[in-house]
PDB file of N, CA and C in Angstrom:
ATOM      1  N   MET A   1     117.396  -6.056 145.010  1.00  0.00           N
ATOM      2  CA  MET A   1     116.187  -6.552 145.633  1.00  0.00           C
ATOM      3  C   MET A   1     116.578  -7.501 146.758  1.00  0.00           C
ATOM      4  N   SER A   2     115.917  -7.389 147.872  1.00  0.00           N
ATOM      5  CA  SER A   2     116.253  -8.218 149.015  1.00  0.00           C
ATOM      6  C   SER A   2     115.508  -9.544 148.969  1.00  0.00           C
ATOM      7  N   LYS A   3     116.076 -10.524 149.666  1.00  0.00           N
ATOM      8  CA  LYS A   3     115.454 -11.847 149.698  1.00  0.00           C
ATOM      9  C   LYS A   3     114.491 -11.935 150.866  1.00  0.00           C
ATOM     10  N   LYS A   4     113.662 -12.933 150.861  1.00  0.00           N
ATOM     11  CA  LYS A   4     112.703 -13.169 151.932  1.00  0.00           C
ATOM     12  C   LYS A   4     113.435 -13.791 153.112  1.00  0.00           C
ATOM     13  N   LEU A   5     113.209 -13.246 154.310  1.00  0.00           N
ATOM     14  CA  LEU A   5     113.851 -13.741 155.525  1.00  0.00           C
ATOM     15  C   LEU A   5     113.219 -15.061 155.950  1.00  0.00           C
ATOM     16  N   THR A   6     114.067 -16.041 156.247  1.00  0.00           N
ATOM     17  CA  THR A   6     113.578 -17.368 156.631  1.00  0.00           C
ATOM     18  C   THR A   6     114.025 -17.716 158.050  1.00  0.00           C
ATOM     19  N   ILE A   7     113.435 -18.771 158.588  1.00  0.00           N
ATOM     20  CA  ILE A   7     113.834 -19.291 159.898  1.00  0.00           C
ATOM     21  C   ILE A   7     115.306 -19.702 159.852  1.00  0.00           C
ATOM     22  N   LYS A   8     115.709 -20.335 158.762  1.00  0.00           N
ATOM     23  CA  LYS A   8     117.102 -20.765 158.596  1.00  0.00           C
ATOM     24  C   LYS A   8     118.050 -19.559 158.692  1.00  0.00           C
ATOM     25  N   ASP A   9     117.671 -18.449 158.048  1.00  0.00           N
ATOM     26  CA  ASP A   9     118.485 -17.221 158.102  1.00  0.00           C
ATOM     27  C   ASP A   9     118.609 -16.718 159.539  1.00  0.00           C
ATOM     28  N   LEU A  10     117.482 -16.687 160.247  1.00  0.00           N
ATOM     29  CA  LEU A  10     117.484 -16.214 161.631  1.00  0.00           C
ATOM     30  C   LEU A  10     118.344 -17.098 162.525  1.00  0.00           C
ATOM     31  N   LEU A  11     118.232 -18.412 162.345  1.00  0.00           N
ATOM     32  CA  LEU A  11     119.037 -19.332 163.155  1.00  0.00           C
ATOM     33  C   LEU A  11     120.519 -19.184 162.854  1.00  0.00           C
ATOM     34  N   ALA A  12     120.862 -18.901 161.591  1.00  0.00           N
ATOM     35  CA  ALA A  12     122.261 -18.703 161.214  1.00  0.00           C
ATOM     36  C   ALA A  12     122.828 -17.432 161.845  1.00  0.00           C
ATOM     37  N   GLN A  13     121.974 -16.454 162.095  1.00  0.00           N
ATOM     38  CA  GLN A  13     122.411 -15.177 162.675  1.00  0.00           C
ATOM     39  C   GLN A  13     122.121 -15.070 164.169  1.00  0.00           C
ATOM     40  N   LYS A  14     121.682 -16.166 164.779  1.00  0.00           N
ATOM     41  CA  LYS A  14     121.226 -16.165 166.165  1.00  0.00           C
ATOM     42  C   LYS A  14     122.246 -15.524 167.120  1.00  0.00           C
ATOM     43  N   ASP A  15     123.494 -15.930 167.044  1.00  0.00           N
ATOM     44  CA  ASP A  15     124.492 -15.414 167.978  1.00  0.00           C
ATOM     45  C   ASP A  15     124.687 -13.904 167.815  1.00  0.00           C
ATOM     46  N   GLN A  16     124.764 -13.436 166.557  1.00  0.00           N
ATOM     47  CA  GLN A  16     124.928 -12.000 166.335  1.00  0.00           C
ATOM     48  C   GLN A  16     123.706 -11.222 166.806  1.00  0.00           C
ATOM     49  N   LEU A  17     122.517 -11.755 166.563  1.00  0.00           N
ATOM     50  CA  LEU A  17     121.290 -11.061 166.952  1.00  0.00           C
ATOM     51  C   LEU A  17     121.140 -10.992 168.473  1.00  0.00           C
ATOM     52  N   LYS A  18     121.569 -12.032 169.162  1.00  0.00           N
ATOM     53  CA  LYS A  18     121.442 -12.053 170.624  1.00  0.00           C
ATOM     54  C   LYS A  18     122.485 -11.161 171.299  1.00  0.00           C
ATOM     55  N   GLN A  19     123.606 -10.953 170.642  1.00  0.00           N
ATOM     56  CA  GLN A  19     124.687 -10.160 171.240  1.00  0.00           C
ATOM     57  C   GLN A  19     124.885  -8.846 170.512  1.00  0.00           C
ATOM     58  N   LYS A  20     123.793  -8.188 170.205  1.00  0.00           N
ATOM     59  CA  LYS A  20     123.876  -6.916 169.489  1.00  0.00           C
ATOM     60  C   LYS A  20     124.743  -5.934 170.268  1.00  0.00           C
ATOM     61  N   LYS A  21     125.745  -5.445 169.602  1.00  0.00           N
ATOM     62  CA  LYS A  21     126.545  -4.358 170.166  1.00  0.00           C
ATOM     63  C   LYS A  21     125.940  -3.068 169.660  1.00  0.00           C
ATOM     64  N   ARG A  22     125.916  -2.095 170.524  1.00  0.00           N
ATOM     65  CA  ARG A  22     125.412  -0.791 170.079  1.00  0.00           C
ATOM     66  C   ARG A  22     126.392  -0.221 169.070  1.00  0.00           C
ATOM     67  N   ARG A  23     125.822   0.220 167.963  1.00  0.00           N
ATOM     68  CA  ARG A  23     126.660   0.780 166.909  1.00  0.00           C
ATOM     69  C   ARG A  23     127.107   2.187 167.285  1.00  0.00           C
ATOM     70  N   ARG A  24     128.257   2.556 166.770  1.00  0.00           N
ATOM     71  CA  ARG A  24     128.814   3.895 166.997  1.00  0.00           C
ATOM     72  C   ARG A  24     129.056   4.575 165.663  1.00  0.00           C
ATOM     73  N   GLN A  25     129.070   5.896 165.733  1.00  0.00           N
ATOM     74  CA  GLN A  25     129.304   6.692 164.523  1.00  0.00           C
ATOM     75  C   GLN A  25     130.072   7.946 164.920  1.00  0.00           C
ATOM     76  N   THR A  26     130.999   8.339 164.070  1.00  0.00           N
ATOM     77  CA  THR A  26     131.759   9.563 164.280  1.00  0.00           C
ATOM     78  C   THR A  26     131.124  10.672 163.454  1.00  0.00           C
ATOM     79  N   LEU A  27     130.902  11.814 164.097  1.00  0.00           N
ATOM     80  CA  LEU A  27     130.303  12.970 163.433  1.00  0.00           C
ATOM     81  C   LEU A  27     131.249  14.160 163.528  1.00  0.00           C
ATOM     82  N   HIS A  28     131.301  14.948 162.475  1.00  0.00           N
ATOM     83  CA  HIS A  28     132.080  16.193 162.504  1.00  0.00           C
ATOM     84  C   HIS A  28     131.136  17.327 162.902  1.00  0.00           C
ATOM     85  N   ILE A  29     131.522  18.078 163.915  1.00  0.00           N
ATOM     86  CA  ILE A  29     130.729  19.212 164.387  1.00  0.00           C
ATOM     87  C   ILE A  29     131.390  20.485 163.871  1.00  0.00           C
ATOM     88  N   GLU A  30     130.704  21.121 162.935  1.00  0.00           N
ATOM     89  CA  GLU A  30     131.275  22.271 162.254  1.00  0.00           C
ATOM     90  C   GLU A  30     131.649  23.416 163.196  1.00  0.00           C
ATOM     91  N   SER A  31     130.757  23.764 164.123  1.00  0.00           N
ATOM     92  CA  SER A  31     131.013  24.913 165.002  1.00  0.00           C
ATOM     93  C   SER A  31     132.220  24.696 165.909  1.00  0.00           C
ATOM     94  N   LEU A  32     132.537  23.452 166.183  1.00  0.00           N
ATOM     95  CA  LEU A  32     133.684  23.131 167.042  1.00  0.00           C
ATOM     96  C   LEU A  32     134.905  22.723 166.223  1.00  0.00           C
ATOM     97  N   ASP A  33     134.699  22.524 164.923  1.00  0.00           N
ATOM     98  CA  ASP A  33     135.723  22.008 164.027  1.00  0.00           C
ATOM     99  C   ASP A  33     136.410  20.795 164.649  1.00  0.00           C
ATOM    100  N   ALA A  34     135.563  19.864 165.112  1.00  0.00           N
ATOM    101  CA  ALA A  34     136.071  18.664 165.768  1.00  0.00           C
ATOM    102  C   ALA A  34     135.080  17.523 165.587  1.00  0.00           C
ATOM    103  N   LYS A  35     135.542  16.330 165.901  1.00  0.00           N
ATOM    104  CA  LYS A  35     134.702  15.146 165.776  1.00  0.00           C
ATOM    105  C   LYS A  35     134.234  14.678 167.143  1.00  0.00           C
ATOM    106  N   ILE A  36     133.027  14.099 167.155  1.00  0.00           N
ATOM    107  CA  ILE A  36     132.488  13.457 168.354  1.00  0.00           C
ATOM    108  C   ILE A  36     132.094  12.037 167.953  1.00  0.00           C
ATOM    109  N   VAL A  37     131.902  11.180 168.950  1.00  0.00           N
ATOM    110  CA  VAL A  37     131.443   9.817 168.699  1.00  0.00           C
ATOM    111  C   VAL A  37     130.120   9.646 169.420  1.00  0.00           C
ATOM    112  N   ILE A  38     129.126   9.150 168.661  1.00  0.00           N
ATOM    113  CA  ILE A  38     127.832   8.869 169.262  1.00  0.00           C
ATOM    114  C   ILE A  38     127.608   7.362 169.252  1.00  0.00           C
ATOM    115  N   GLU A  39     126.746   6.915 170.162  1.00  0.00           N
ATOM    116  CA  GLU A  39     126.393   5.505 170.252  1.00  0.00           C
ATOM    117  C   GLU A  39     124.883   5.381 170.134  1.00  0.00           C
ATOM    118  N   GLU A  40     124.431   4.351 169.470  1.00  0.00           N
ATOM    119  CA  GLU A  40     122.994   4.169 169.295  1.00  0.00           C
ATOM    120  C   GLU A  40     122.313   4.068 170.655  1.00  0.00           C
ATOM    121  N   PRO A  41     121.177   4.723 170.812  1.00  0.00           N
ATOM    122  CA  PRO A  41     120.472   4.683 172.095  1.00  0.00           C
ATOM    123  C   PRO A  41     119.815   3.329 172.325  1.00  0.00           C
ATOM    124  N   SER A  42     119.619   3.008 173.586  1.00  0.00           N
ATOM    125  CA  SER A  42     118.863   1.805 173.906  1.00  0.00           C
ATOM    126  C   SER A  42     117.419   2.014 173.465  1.00  0.00           C
ATOM    127  N   ARG A  43     116.677   0.944 173.371  1.00  0.00           N
ATOM    128  CA  ARG A  43     115.270   1.032 172.994  1.00  0.00           C
ATOM    129  C   ARG A  43     114.514   1.897 174.004  1.00  0.00           C
ATOM    130  N   ALA A  44     114.798   1.703 175.290  1.00  0.00           N
ATOM    131  CA  ALA A  44     114.105   2.461 176.337  1.00  0.00           C
ATOM    132  C   ALA A  44     114.375   3.959 176.207  1.00  0.00           C
ATOM    133  N   LEU A  45     115.629   4.326 175.964  1.00  0.00           N
ATOM    134  CA  LEU A  45     115.983   5.739 175.832  1.00  0.00           C
ATOM    135  C   LEU A  45     115.302   6.343 174.605  1.00  0.00           C
ATOM    136  N   ALA A  46     115.317   5.621 173.493  1.00  0.00           N
ATOM    137  CA  ALA A  46     114.696   6.127 172.266  1.00  0.00           C
ATOM    138  C   ALA A  46     113.188   6.315 172.456  1.00  0.00           C
ATOM    139  N   LEU A  47     112.549   5.348 173.080  1.00  0.00           N
ATOM    140  CA  LEU A  47     111.106   5.460 173.300  1.00  0.00           C
ATOM    141  C   LEU A  47     110.766   6.580 174.277  1.00  0.00           C
ATOM    142  N   GLU A  48     111.622   6.780 175.263  1.00  0.00           N
ATOM    143  CA  GLU A  48     111.417   7.885 176.201  1.00  0.00           C
ATOM    144  C   GLU A  48     111.510   9.229 175.468  1.00  0.00           C
ATOM    145  N   ALA A  49     112.490   9.353 174.591  1.00  0.00           N
ATOM    146  CA  ALA A  49     112.656  10.588 173.819  1.00  0.00           C
ATOM    147  C   ALA A  49     111.471  10.813 172.889  1.00  0.00           C
ATOM    148  N   ILE A  50     110.986   9.756 172.265  1.00  0.00           N
ATOM    149  CA  ILE A  50     109.826   9.871 171.375  1.00  0.00           C
ATOM    150  C   ILE A  50     108.604  10.311 172.179  1.00  0.00           C
ATOM    151  N   GLY A  51     108.475   9.801 173.390  1.00  0.00           N
ATOM    152  CA  GLY A  51     107.384  10.218 174.272  1.00  0.00           C
ATOM    153  C   GLY A  51     107.470  11.694 174.609  1.00  0.00           C
ATOM    154  N   MET A  52     108.684  12.197 174.818  1.00  0.00           N
ATOM    155  CA  MET A  52     108.871  13.623 175.097  1.00  0.00           C
ATOM    156  C   MET A  52     108.407  14.465 173.908  1.00  0.00           C
ATOM    157  N   VAL A  53     108.739  14.013 172.703  1.00  0.00           N
ATOM    158  CA  VAL A  53     108.341  14.734 171.488  1.00  0.00           C
ATOM    159  C   VAL A  53     106.824  14.768 171.384  1.00  0.00           C
ATOM    160  N   GLN A  54     106.177  13.652 171.678  1.00  0.00           N
ATOM    161  CA  GLN A  54     104.720  13.592 171.610  1.00  0.00           C
ATOM    162  C   GLN A  54     104.061  14.499 172.644  1.00  0.00           C
ATOM    163  N   ASN A  55     104.791  14.830 173.706  1.00  0.00           N
ATOM    164  CA  ASN A  55     104.286  15.745 174.734  1.00  0.00           C
ATOM    165  C   ASN A  55     104.791  17.162 174.531  1.00  0.00           C
ATOM    166  N   ASP A  56     105.124  17.503 173.271  1.00  0.00           N
ATOM    167  CA  ASP A  56     105.598  18.843 172.896  1.00  0.00           C
ATOM    168  C   ASP A  56     106.846  19.274 173.659  1.00  0.00           C
ATOM    169  N   GLN A  57     107.748  18.350 173.885  1.00  0.00           N
ATOM    170  CA  GLN A  57     109.030  18.651 174.520  1.00  0.00           C
ATOM    171  C   GLN A  57     110.174  18.241 173.595  1.00  0.00           C
ATOM    172  N   GLY A  58     110.033  18.560 172.317  1.00  0.00           N
ATOM    173  CA  GLY A  58     111.012  18.143 171.326  1.00  0.00           C
ATOM    174  C   GLY A  58     112.414  18.643 171.591  1.00  0.00           C
ATOM    175  N   ASP A  59     112.539  19.908 172.024  1.00  0.00           N
ATOM    176  CA  ASP A  59     113.866  20.454 172.290  1.00  0.00           C
ATOM    177  C   ASP A  59     114.516  19.756 173.484  1.00  0.00           C
ATOM    178  N   VAL A  60     113.728  19.422 174.479  1.00  0.00           N
ATOM    179  CA  VAL A  60     114.237  18.696 175.653  1.00  0.00           C
ATOM    180  C   VAL A  60     114.632  17.281 175.244  1.00  0.00           C
ATOM    181  N   ALA A  61     113.836  16.663 174.380  1.00  0.00           N
ATOM    182  CA  ALA A  61     114.104  15.300 173.923  1.00  0.00           C
ATOM    183  C   ALA A  61     115.427  15.236 173.166  1.00  0.00           C
ATOM    184  N   ASP A  62     115.667  16.186 172.280  1.00  0.00           N
ATOM    185  CA  ASP A  62     116.920  16.193 171.518  1.00  0.00           C
ATOM    186  C   ASP A  62     118.123  16.320 172.450  1.00  0.00           C
ATOM    187  N   ALA A  63     118.058  17.238 173.394  1.00  0.00           N
ATOM    188  CA  ALA A  63     119.168  17.419 174.340  1.00  0.00           C
ATOM    189  C   ALA A  63     119.377  16.156 175.174  1.00  0.00           C
ATOM    190  N   TYR A  64     118.288  15.516 175.565  1.00  0.00           N
ATOM    191  CA  TYR A  64     118.346  14.275 176.349  1.00  0.00           C
ATOM    192  C   TYR A  64     119.040  13.164 175.557  1.00  0.00           C
ATOM    193  N   VAL A  65     118.679  13.028 174.285  1.00  0.00           N
ATOM    194  CA  VAL A  65     119.307  12.012 173.438  1.00  0.00           C
ATOM    195  C   VAL A  65     120.790  12.311 173.255  1.00  0.00           C
ATOM    196  N   VAL A  66     121.116  13.562 172.965  1.00  0.00           N
ATOM    197  CA  VAL A  66     122.518  13.937 172.757  1.00  0.00           C
ATOM    198  C   VAL A  66     123.329  13.682 174.028  1.00  0.00           C
ATOM    199  N   TYR A  67     122.810  14.114 175.161  1.00  0.00           N
ATOM    200  CA  TYR A  67     123.504  13.920 176.436  1.00  0.00           C
ATOM    201  C   TYR A  67     123.821  12.448 176.675  1.00  0.00           C
ATOM    202  N   ASN A  68     122.881  11.579 176.357  1.00  0.00           N
ATOM    203  CA  ASN A  68     123.043  10.155 176.631  1.00  0.00           C
ATOM    204  C   ASN A  68     123.749   9.379 175.530  1.00  0.00           C
ATOM    205  N   CYS A  69     123.831   9.930 174.319  1.00  0.00           N
ATOM    206  CA  CYS A  69     124.415   9.178 173.206  1.00  0.00           C
ATOM    207  C   CYS A  69     125.804   9.635 172.785  1.00  0.00           C
ATOM    208  N   VAL A  70     126.206  10.839 173.159  1.00  0.00           N
ATOM    209  CA  VAL A  70     127.569  11.270 172.848  1.00  0.00           C
ATOM    210  C   VAL A  70     128.491  10.588 173.858  1.00  0.00           C
ATOM    211  N   VAL A  71     129.375   9.735 173.346  1.00  0.00           N
ATOM    212  CA  VAL A  71     130.273   8.991 174.233  1.00  0.00           C
ATOM    213  C   VAL A  71     131.703   9.541 174.223  1.00  0.00           C
ATOM    214  N   GLU A  72     132.051  10.272 173.168  1.00  0.00           N
ATOM    215  CA  GLU A  72     133.355  10.940 173.114  1.00  0.00           C
ATOM    216  C   GLU A  72     133.153  12.333 172.558  1.00  0.00           C
ATOM    217  N   PRO A  73     133.347  13.366 173.325  1.00  0.00           N
ATOM    218  CA  PRO A  73     133.761  13.392 174.724  1.00  0.00           C
ATOM    219  C   PRO A  73     132.603  12.989 175.643  1.00  0.00           C
ATOM    220  N   ASN A  74     132.950  12.587 176.840  1.00  0.00           N
ATOM    221  CA  ASN A  74     131.950  12.167 177.817  1.00  0.00           C
ATOM    222  C   ASN A  74     131.271  13.401 178.417  1.00  0.00           C
ATOM    223  N   LEU A  75     130.053  13.685 177.963  1.00  0.00           N
ATOM    224  CA  LEU A  75     129.326  14.863 178.437  1.00  0.00           C
ATOM    225  C   LEU A  75     128.882  14.720 179.894  1.00  0.00           C
ATOM    226  N   LYS A  76     128.976  13.519 180.434  1.00  0.00           N
ATOM    227  CA  LYS A  76     128.570  13.261 181.821  1.00  0.00           C
ATOM    228  C   LYS A  76     129.725  13.457 182.811  1.00  0.00           C
ATOM    229  N   ASP A  77     130.880  13.833 182.308  1.00  0.00           N
ATOM    230  CA  ASP A  77     132.052  14.011 183.154  1.00  0.00           C
ATOM    231  C   ASP A  77     131.784  15.075 184.216  1.00  0.00           C
ATOM    232  N   PRO A  78     131.959  14.738 185.500  1.00  0.00           N
ATOM    233  CA  PRO A  78     131.661  15.691 186.583  1.00  0.00           C
ATOM    234  C   PRO A  78     132.465  16.993 186.498  1.00  0.00           C
ATOM    235  N   GLN A  79     133.735  16.909 186.103  1.00  0.00           N
ATOM    236  CA  GLN A  79     134.556  18.118 186.007  1.00  0.00           C
ATOM    237  C   GLN A  79     134.043  19.029 184.888  1.00  0.00           C
ATOM    238  N   LEU A  80     133.666  18.433 183.758  1.00  0.00           N
ATOM    239  CA  LEU A  80     133.111  19.203 182.654  1.00  0.00           C
ATOM    240  C   LEU A  80     131.835  19.910 183.093  1.00  0.00           C
ATOM    241  N   GLN A  81     130.963  19.172 183.759  1.00  0.00           N
ATOM    242  CA  GLN A  81     129.700  19.721 184.255  1.00  0.00           C
ATOM    243  C   GLN A  81     129.961  20.896 185.220  1.00  0.00           C
ATOM    244  N   LYS A  82     130.912  20.699 186.108  1.00  0.00           N
ATOM    245  CA  LYS A  82     131.233  21.729 187.119  1.00  0.00           C
ATOM    246  C   LYS A  82     131.824  22.977 186.467  1.00  0.00           C
ATOM    247  N   GLU A  83     132.784  22.787 185.568  1.00  0.00           N
ATOM    248  CA  GLU A  83     133.459  23.915 184.917  1.00  0.00           C
ATOM    249  C   GLU A  83     132.493  24.763 184.084  1.00  0.00           C
ATOM    250  N   PHE A  84     131.500  24.128 183.498  1.00  0.00           N
ATOM    251  CA  PHE A  84     130.520  24.862 182.705  1.00  0.00           C
ATOM    252  C   PHE A  84     129.371  25.389 183.557  1.00  0.00           C
ATOM    253  N   GLY A  85     129.345  25.049 184.845  1.00  0.00           N
ATOM    254  CA  GLY A  85     128.317  25.541 185.750  1.00  0.00           C
ATOM    255  C   GLY A  85     126.919  25.026 185.439  1.00  0.00           C
ATOM    256  N   CYS A  86     126.817  23.771 185.106  1.00  0.00           N
ATOM    257  CA  CYS A  86     125.529  23.177 184.732  1.00  0.00           C
ATOM    258  C   CYS A  86     124.644  22.956 185.954  1.00  0.00           C
ATOM    259  N   ALA A  87     123.439  23.525 185.928  1.00  0.00           N
ATOM    260  CA  ALA A  87     122.465  23.290 186.991  1.00  0.00           C
ATOM    261  C   ALA A  87     121.847  21.907 186.814  1.00  0.00           C
ATOM    262  N   GLU A  88     121.547  21.554 185.566  1.00  0.00           N
ATOM    263  CA  GLU A  88     121.028  20.230 185.208  1.00  0.00           C
ATOM    264  C   GLU A  88     122.067  19.562 184.311  1.00  0.00           C
ATOM    265  N   PRO A  89     122.233  18.257 184.414  1.00  0.00           N
ATOM    266  CA  PRO A  89     123.244  17.584 183.587  1.00  0.00           C
ATOM    267  C   PRO A  89     123.108  17.841 182.087  1.00  0.00           C
ATOM    268  N   THR A  90     121.875  17.897 181.584  1.00  0.00           N
ATOM    269  CA  THR A  90     121.694  18.094 180.142  1.00  0.00           C
ATOM    270  C   THR A  90     121.988  19.531 179.687  1.00  0.00           C
ATOM    271  N   ASP A  91     122.187  20.450 180.614  1.00  0.00           N
ATOM    272  CA  ASP A  91     122.530  21.835 180.258  1.00  0.00           C
ATOM    273  C   ASP A  91     123.800  21.890 179.413  1.00  0.00           C
ATOM    274  N   ILE A  92     124.697  20.933 179.620  1.00  0.00           N
ATOM    275  CA  ILE A  92     125.967  20.919 178.901  1.00  0.00           C
ATOM    276  C   ILE A  92     125.746  20.873 177.385  1.00  0.00           C
ATOM    277  N   VAL A  93     124.683  20.219 176.971  1.00  0.00           N
ATOM    278  CA  VAL A  93     124.394  20.071 175.540  1.00  0.00           C
ATOM    279  C   VAL A  93     124.164  21.438 174.896  1.00  0.00           C
ATOM    280  N   ASP A  94     123.319  22.262 175.528  1.00  0.00           N
ATOM    281  CA  ASP A  94     123.038  23.597 174.986  1.00  0.00           C
ATOM    282  C   ASP A  94     124.247  24.516 175.047  1.00  0.00           C
ATOM    283  N   LEU A  95     125.125  24.283 175.998  1.00  0.00           N
ATOM    284  CA  LEU A  95     126.304  25.132 176.148  1.00  0.00           C
ATOM    285  C   LEU A  95     127.387  24.808 175.120  1.00  0.00           C
ATOM    286  N   ILE A  96     127.431  23.579 174.659  1.00  0.00           N
ATOM    287  CA  ILE A  96     128.491  23.151 173.740  1.00  0.00           C
ATOM    288  C   ILE A  96     128.060  23.216 172.275  1.00  0.00           C
ATOM    289  N   PHE A  97     126.846  22.767 171.996  1.00  0.00           N
ATOM    290  CA  PHE A  97     126.409  22.638 170.609  1.00  0.00           C
ATOM    291  C   PHE A  97     125.397  23.714 170.216  1.00  0.00           C
ATOM    292  N   ARG A  98     125.347  24.034 168.925  1.00  0.00           N
ATOM    293  CA  ARG A  98     124.347  24.945 168.395  1.00  0.00           C
ATOM    294  C   ARG A  98     123.020  24.201 168.274  1.00  0.00           C
ATOM    295  N   ALA A  99     121.919  24.941 168.260  1.00  0.00           N
ATOM    296  CA  ALA A  99     120.578  24.343 168.259  1.00  0.00           C
ATOM    297  C   ALA A  99     120.383  23.340 167.118  1.00  0.00           C
ATOM    298  N   GLY A 100     120.790  23.704 165.923  1.00  0.00           N
ATOM    299  CA  GLY A 100     120.643  22.795 164.787  1.00  0.00           C
ATOM    300  C   GLY A 100     121.507  21.559 164.911  1.00  0.00           C
ATOM    301  N   GLU A 101     122.672  21.723 165.524  1.00  0.00           N
ATOM    302  CA  GLU A 101     123.561  20.578 165.725  1.00  0.00           C
ATOM    303  C   GLU A 101     122.940  19.582 166.705  1.00  0.00           C
ATOM    304  N   ILE A 102     122.285  20.097 167.733  1.00  0.00           N
ATOM    305  CA  ILE A 102     121.651  19.221 168.732  1.00  0.00           C
ATOM    306  C   ILE A 102     120.607  18.355 168.048  1.00  0.00           C
ATOM    307  N   SER A 103     119.784  18.976 167.229  1.00  0.00           N
ATOM    308  CA  SER A 103     118.751  18.237 166.507  1.00  0.00           C
ATOM    309  C   SER A 103     119.366  17.215 165.558  1.00  0.00           C
ATOM    310  N   ALA A 104     120.403  17.596 164.855  1.00  0.00           N
ATOM    311  CA  ALA A 104     121.052  16.703 163.898  1.00  0.00           C
ATOM    312  C   ALA A 104     121.731  15.524 164.596  1.00  0.00           C
ATOM    313  N   ILE A 105     122.412  15.788 165.708  1.00  0.00           N
ATOM    314  CA  ILE A 105     123.080  14.713 166.453  1.00  0.00           C
ATOM    315  C   ILE A 105     122.049  13.730 166.984  1.00  0.00           C
ATOM    316  N   SER A 106     120.966  14.259 167.546  1.00  0.00           N
ATOM    317  CA  SER A 106     119.891  13.414 168.056  1.00  0.00           C
ATOM    318  C   SER A 106     119.308  12.551 166.938  1.00  0.00           C
ATOM    319  N   GLY A 107     119.066  13.157 165.793  1.00  0.00           N
ATOM    320  CA  GLY A 107     118.527  12.422 164.646  1.00  0.00           C
ATOM    321  C   GLY A 107     119.446  11.311 164.187  1.00  0.00           C
ATOM    322  N   GLN A 108     120.744  11.590 164.158  1.00  0.00           N
ATOM    323  CA  GLN A 108     121.716  10.575 163.752  1.00  0.00           C
ATOM    324  C   GLN A 108     121.724   9.412 164.745  1.00  0.00           C
ATOM    325  N   ALA A 109     121.649   9.723 166.032  1.00  0.00           N
ATOM    326  CA  ALA A 109     121.646   8.678 167.053  1.00  0.00           C
ATOM    327  C   ALA A 109     120.412   7.795 166.910  1.00  0.00           C
ATOM    328  N   LEU A 110     119.262   8.403 166.701  1.00  0.00           N
ATOM    329  CA  LEU A 110     118.031   7.624 166.546  1.00  0.00           C
ATOM    330  C   LEU A 110     118.061   6.790 165.267  1.00  0.00           C
ATOM    331  N   GLN A 111     118.689   7.306 164.224  1.00  0.00           N
ATOM    332  CA  GLN A 111     118.828   6.519 162.997  1.00  0.00           C
ATOM    333  C   GLN A 111     119.704   5.296 163.227  1.00  0.00           C
ATOM    334  N   LEU A 112     120.739   5.430 164.054  1.00  0.00           N
ATOM    335  CA  LEU A 112     121.577   4.277 164.377  1.00  0.00           C
ATOM    336  C   LEU A 112     120.752   3.157 165.002  1.00  0.00           C
ATOM    337  N   ALA A 113     119.718   3.535 165.746  1.00  0.00           N
ATOM    338  CA  ALA A 113     118.850   2.556 166.399  1.00  0.00           C
ATOM    339  C   ALA A 113     117.747   2.067 165.467  1.00  0.00           C
ATOM    340  N   GLY A 114     117.729   2.553 164.236  1.00  0.00           N
ATOM    341  CA  GLY A 114     116.766   2.081 163.254  1.00  0.00           C
ATOM    342  C   GLY A 114     115.486   2.880 163.164  1.00  0.00           C
ATOM    343  N   PHE A 115     115.386   3.972 163.909  1.00  0.00           N
ATOM    344  CA  PHE A 115     114.185   4.796 163.835  1.00  0.00           C
ATOM    345  C   PHE A 115     114.229   5.643 162.577  1.00  0.00           C
ATOM    346  N   GLY A 116     113.158   5.581 161.808  1.00  0.00           N
ATOM    347  CA  GLY A 116     113.060   6.396 160.605  1.00  0.00           C
ATOM    348  C   GLY A 116     113.777   5.835 159.404  1.00  0.00           C
ATOM    349  N   GLN A 117     114.251   4.616 159.479  1.00  0.00           N
ATOM    350  CA  GLN A 117     114.951   4.029 158.337  1.00  0.00           C
ATOM    351  C   GLN A 117     114.981   2.517 158.474  1.00  0.00           C
ATOM    352  N   GLY A 118     115.491   1.857 157.475  1.00  0.00           N
ATOM    353  CA  GLY A 118     115.740   0.432 157.559  1.00  0.00           C
ATOM    354  C   GLY A 118     114.577  -0.473 157.177  1.00  0.00           C
ATOM    355  N   VAL A 119     113.389   0.092 156.985  1.00  0.00           N
ATOM    356  CA  VAL A 119     112.238  -0.722 156.610  1.00  0.00           C
ATOM    357  C   VAL A 119     111.557  -0.054 155.422  1.00  0.00           C
ATOM    358  N   LYS A 120     111.324  -0.829 154.387  1.00  0.00           N
ATOM    359  CA  LYS A 120     110.655  -0.301 153.208  1.00  0.00           C
ATOM    360  C   LYS A 120     109.485  -1.208 152.867  1.00  0.00           C
ATOM    361  N   LYS A 121     108.413  -0.601 152.439  1.00  0.00           N
ATOM    362  CA  LYS A 121     107.227  -1.350 152.036  1.00  0.00           C
ATOM    363  C   LYS A 121     107.496  -2.006 150.682  1.00  0.00           C
ATOM    364  N   VAL A 122     107.155  -3.273 150.584  1.00  0.00           N
ATOM    365  CA  VAL A 122     107.282  -3.981 149.316  1.00  0.00           C
ATOM    366  C   VAL A 122     105.900  -4.022 148.685  1.00  0.00           C
ATOM    367  N   ASP A 123     105.783  -3.433 147.523  1.00  0.00           N
ATOM    368  CA  ASP A 123     104.494  -3.387 146.826  1.00  0.00           C
ATOM    369  C   ASP A 123     104.409  -4.593 145.908  1.00  0.00           C
ATOM    370  N   GLU A 124     103.633  -5.591 146.306  1.00  0.00           N
ATOM    371  CA  GLU A 124     103.502  -6.838 145.561  1.00  0.00           C
ATOM    372  C   GLU A 124     102.964  -6.606 144.154  1.00  0.00           C
ATOM    373  N   GLU A 125     102.036  -5.671 143.977  1.00  0.00           N
ATOM    374  CA  GLU A 125     101.452  -5.428 142.663  1.00  0.00           C
ATOM    375  C   GLU A 125     102.494  -4.915 141.686  1.00  0.00           C
ATOM    376  N   LEU A 126     103.387  -4.038 142.141  1.00  0.00           N
ATOM    377  CA  LEU A 126     104.428  -3.520 141.260  1.00  0.00           C
ATOM    378  C   LEU A 126     105.444  -4.601 140.907  1.00  0.00           C
ATOM    379  N   LYS A 127     105.695  -5.514 141.854  1.00  0.00           N
ATOM    380  CA  LYS A 127     106.648  -6.591 141.600  1.00  0.00           C
ATOM    381  C   LYS A 127     106.150  -7.507 140.511  1.00  0.00           C
ATOM    382  N   ASN A 128     104.860  -7.791 140.502  1.00  0.00           N
ATOM    383  CA  ASN A 128     104.298  -8.742 139.540  1.00  0.00           C
ATOM    384  C   ASN A 128     104.019  -8.073 138.254  1.00  0.00           C
TER     385      ASN A 128
END
């Protein structure tokens, strides 16, 4: 059971909270039999992707998140883009990863930013 957050707790964590480093995670990609590293998206990027989903552009949103959150290998590398003949920068995502992998990678990146997890409702009646 978690404790109640206090002002004292927040002040004790002030430096860490103000200097949040984006978290990273290593994922194994089965189709490539290799690992990639993703970084948590900024709030602006995550909200932009969520907006795309709300406008029925879910597949575009996933590719956008993957393109911007995969840091190893660098999907933005100009030589990589050129060699694969990408018309749009995010085209590289569809060329490298399978459709389900794109969705899974995007989901993992958004989870790193706290979307869809990290908050649970405390039911006071059940506690008492």
